[in-house]
């Protein structure tokens, strides 16, 4: 089963959900606003992404950039857990293994659901 971690009203997330719905892929949606991620999840996503999964194009990052960038790695992870709009989304996992971060149609086409 696929789990999508995201924010419901995000345009990128809407595109990803539409893609999965059209392909009839079953998934569970976890809204960051209702159930924030924990540090272990952020670390797992960072391992997959190659760095902390921060949406550097987003308005929340731009607003909080100076505060965020001055933190230690551990503090950045905690900061992301409470400032979930800064996380690059959606995050897709299969059996607690990250398979995609963000939405790219070509990448999604290559995923094994």
C-alpha atoms as a PDB file:
ATOM      1  CA  UNK A   1       0.000   0.000   0.000  1.00  0.00           C
ATOM      2  CA  UNK A   2       1.168   3.491  -0.849  1.00  0.00           C
ATOM      3  CA  UNK A   3       1.099   6.280   1.708  1.00  0.00           C
ATOM      4  CA  UNK A   4       1.150   9.897   0.566  1.00  0.00           C
ATOM      5  CA  UNK A   5       2.338  12.475   3.092  1.00  0.00           C
ATOM      6  CA  UNK A   6       1.342  15.971   2.055  1.00  0.00           C
ATOM      7  CA  UNK A   7      -0.869  19.004   2.505  1.00  0.00           C
ATOM      8  CA  UNK A   8      -4.314  18.717   0.953  1.00  0.00           C
ATOM      9  CA  UNK A   9      -4.557  22.170  -0.609  1.00  0.00           C
ATOM     10  CA  UNK A  10      -1.108  22.151  -2.271  1.00  0.00           C
ATOM     11  CA  UNK A  11      -1.292  22.397  -6.084  1.00  0.00           C
ATOM     12  CA  UNK A  12       1.575  19.940  -6.578  1.00  0.00           C
ATOM     13  CA  UNK A  13      -0.144  17.461  -4.291  1.00  0.00           C
ATOM     14  CA  UNK A  14      -3.379  17.860  -6.240  1.00  0.00           C
ATOM     15  CA  UNK A  15      -1.514  16.939  -9.444  1.00  0.00           C
ATOM     16  CA  UNK A  16       0.021  13.888  -7.765  1.00  0.00           C
ATOM     17  CA  UNK A  17      -3.341  12.749  -6.390  1.00  0.00           C
ATOM     18  CA  UNK A  18      -4.974  13.178  -9.790  1.00  0.00           C
ATOM     19  CA  UNK A  19      -2.218  11.086 -11.380  1.00  0.00           C
ATOM     20  CA  UNK A  20      -2.636   8.282  -8.830  1.00  0.00           C
ATOM     21  CA  UNK A  21      -6.425   8.410  -9.090  1.00  0.00           C
ATOM     22  CA  UNK A  22      -6.305   8.163 -12.910  1.00  0.00           C
ATOM     23  CA  UNK A  23      -3.973   5.164 -12.630  1.00  0.00           C
ATOM     24  CA  UNK A  24      -6.319   3.682 -10.004  1.00  0.00           C
ATOM     25  CA  UNK A  25      -3.503   3.413  -7.481  1.00  0.00           C
ATOM     26  CA  UNK A  26      -4.797   2.890  -3.960  1.00  0.00           C
ATOM     27  CA  UNK A  27      -3.119   5.058  -1.381  1.00  0.00           C
ATOM     28  CA  UNK A  28      -3.590   6.431   2.093  1.00  0.00           C
ATOM     29  CA  UNK A  29      -3.390  10.202   2.422  1.00  0.00           C
ATOM     30  CA  UNK A  30      -1.725  11.619   5.542  1.00  0.00           C
ATOM     31  CA  UNK A  31      -2.204  15.367   5.937  1.00  0.00           C
ATOM     32  CA  UNK A  32       0.809  17.087   7.537  1.00  0.00           C
ATOM     33  CA  UNK A  33      -1.539  19.663   9.044  1.00  0.00           C
ATOM     34  CA  UNK A  34      -3.501  17.009  10.947  1.00  0.00           C
ATOM     35  CA  UNK A  35      -0.701  14.532  11.651  1.00  0.00           C
ATOM     36  CA  UNK A  36       2.748  16.145  11.499  1.00  0.00           C
ATOM     37  CA  UNK A  37       5.713  13.911  10.646  1.00  0.00           C
ATOM     38  CA  UNK A  38       8.121  12.750  13.325  1.00  0.00           C
ATOM     39  CA  UNK A  39      11.901  13.129  13.248  1.00  0.00           C
ATOM     40  CA  UNK A  40      12.463   9.555  12.061  1.00  0.00           C
ATOM     41  CA  UNK A  41      10.301  10.184   8.996  1.00  0.00           C
ATOM     42  CA  UNK A  42      12.139  13.410   8.139  1.00  0.00           C
ATOM     43  CA  UNK A  43      15.463  11.540   8.454  1.00  0.00           C
ATOM     44  CA  UNK A  44      14.194   8.710   6.220  1.00  0.00           C
ATOM     45  CA  UNK A  45      13.021  11.210   3.610  1.00  0.00           C
ATOM     46  CA  UNK A  46      16.365  13.048   3.804  1.00  0.00           C
ATOM     47  CA  UNK A  47      18.224   9.780   3.193  1.00  0.00           C
ATOM     48  CA  UNK A  48      16.161   9.234   0.044  1.00  0.00           C
ATOM     49  CA  UNK A  49      16.330  12.872  -1.125  1.00  0.00           C
ATOM     50  CA  UNK A  50      20.029  13.351  -0.388  1.00  0.00           C
ATOM     51  CA  UNK A  51      19.347  16.316   1.892  1.00  0.00           C
ATOM     52  CA  UNK A  52      16.565  17.482   4.139  1.00  0.00           C
ATOM     53  CA  UNK A  53      13.372  17.539   2.046  1.00  0.00           C
ATOM     54  CA  UNK A  54      12.811  21.284   2.081  1.00  0.00           C
ATOM     55  CA  UNK A  55      10.617  23.023  -0.478  1.00  0.00           C
ATOM     56  CA  UNK A  56      12.995  25.901  -1.177  1.00  0.00           C
ATOM     57  CA  UNK A  57      10.634  27.383  -3.772  1.00  0.00           C
ATOM     58  CA  UNK A  58       7.769  27.711  -1.301  1.00  0.00           C
ATOM     59  CA  UNK A  59       6.627  30.866   0.431  1.00  0.00           C
ATOM     60  CA  UNK A  60       7.009  29.345   3.900  1.00  0.00           C
ATOM     61  CA  UNK A  61      10.687  28.585   3.289  1.00  0.00           C
ATOM     62  CA  UNK A  62      11.280  32.076   1.921  1.00  0.00           C
ATOM     63  CA  UNK A  63       9.619  33.581   4.988  1.00  0.00           C
ATOM     64  CA  UNK A  64      11.506  31.394   7.514  1.00  0.00           C
ATOM     65  CA  UNK A  65      14.758  30.875   5.601  1.00  0.00           C
ATOM     66  CA  UNK A  66      17.027  32.951   7.841  1.00  0.00           C
ATOM     67  CA  UNK A  67      15.754  31.305  11.013  1.00  0.00           C
ATOM     68  CA  UNK A  68      15.919  27.804   9.482  1.00  0.00           C
ATOM     69  CA  UNK A  69      19.364  28.121   7.906  1.00  0.00           C
ATOM     70  CA  UNK A  70      20.918  29.148  11.224  1.00  0.00           C
ATOM     71  CA  UNK A  71      19.912  25.899  12.936  1.00  0.00           C
ATOM     72  CA  UNK A  72      21.887  22.713  13.531  1.00  0.00           C
ATOM     73  CA  UNK A  73      20.871  19.620  11.546  1.00  0.00           C
ATOM     74  CA  UNK A  74      18.942  18.182  14.511  1.00  0.00           C
ATOM     75  CA  UNK A  75      17.186  21.489  15.107  1.00  0.00           C
ATOM     76  CA  UNK A  76      16.303  21.732  11.389  1.00  0.00           C
ATOM     77  CA  UNK A  77      14.599  18.338  11.591  1.00  0.00           C
ATOM     78  CA  UNK A  78      12.541  19.430  14.599  1.00  0.00           C
ATOM     79  CA  UNK A  79      11.766  22.713  12.836  1.00  0.00           C
ATOM     80  CA  UNK A  80      10.403  20.796   9.818  1.00  0.00           C
ATOM     81  CA  UNK A  81       8.219  18.673  12.104  1.00  0.00           C
ATOM     82  CA  UNK A  82       6.483  21.821  13.322  1.00  0.00           C
ATOM     83  CA  UNK A  83       6.668  23.886  10.117  1.00  0.00           C
ATOM     84  CA  UNK A  84       5.319  21.243   7.767  1.00  0.00           C
ATOM     85  CA  UNK A  85       4.614  23.667   4.932  1.00  0.00           C
ATOM     86  CA  UNK A  86       8.387  23.769   4.394  1.00  0.00           C
ATOM     87  CA  UNK A  87       8.554  20.074   3.492  1.00  0.00           C
ATOM     88  CA  UNK A  88       8.838  19.233  -0.196  1.00  0.00           C
ATOM     89  CA  UNK A  89       5.700  17.354  -1.108  1.00  0.00           C
ATOM     90  CA  UNK A  90       4.148  15.000  -1.653  1.00  0.00           C
ATOM     91  CA  UNK A  91       6.224  12.243  -0.109  1.00  0.00           C
ATOM     92  CA  UNK A  92       5.277   8.760  -1.281  1.00  0.00           C
ATOM     93  CA  UNK A  93       6.186   5.687   0.705  1.00  0.00           C
ATOM     94  CA  UNK A  94       5.568   2.015   0.177  1.00  0.00           C
ATOM     95  CA  UNK A  95       5.972  -0.161   3.265  1.00  0.00           C
ATOM     96  CA  UNK A  96       7.711   2.716   5.092  1.00  0.00           C
ATOM     97  CA  UNK A  97      10.266   3.021   2.277  1.00  0.00           C
ATOM     98  CA  UNK A  98      10.391   6.353   0.460  1.00  0.00           C
ATOM     99  CA  UNK A  99       9.774   5.985  -3.275  1.00  0.00           C
ATOM    100  CA  UNK A 100       9.254   9.618  -4.367  1.00  0.00           C
ATOM    101  CA  UNK A 101       9.438  13.181  -3.102  1.00  0.00           C
ATOM    102  CA  UNK A 102       7.698  15.926  -5.020  1.00  0.00           C
ATOM    103  CA  UNK A 103       5.681  15.299  -8.167  1.00  0.00           C
ATOM    104  CA  UNK A 104       7.176  14.592 -11.548  1.00  0.00           C
ATOM    105  CA  UNK A 105       4.906  12.734 -13.950  1.00  0.00           C
ATOM    106  CA  UNK A 106       7.760  10.847 -15.635  1.00  0.00           C
ATOM    107  CA  UNK A 107       9.104   9.692 -12.280  1.00  0.00           C
ATOM    108  CA  UNK A 108       5.628   8.572 -11.198  1.00  0.00           C
ATOM    109  CA  UNK A 109       5.168   6.630 -14.456  1.00  0.00           C
ATOM    110  CA  UNK A 110       8.287   4.617 -13.584  1.00  0.00           C
ATOM    111  CA  UNK A 111       7.189   3.716 -10.062  1.00  0.00           C
ATOM    112  CA  UNK A 112       6.045   0.217  -9.201  1.00  0.00           C
ATOM    113  CA  UNK A 113       2.807   0.570  -7.294  1.00  0.00           C
END
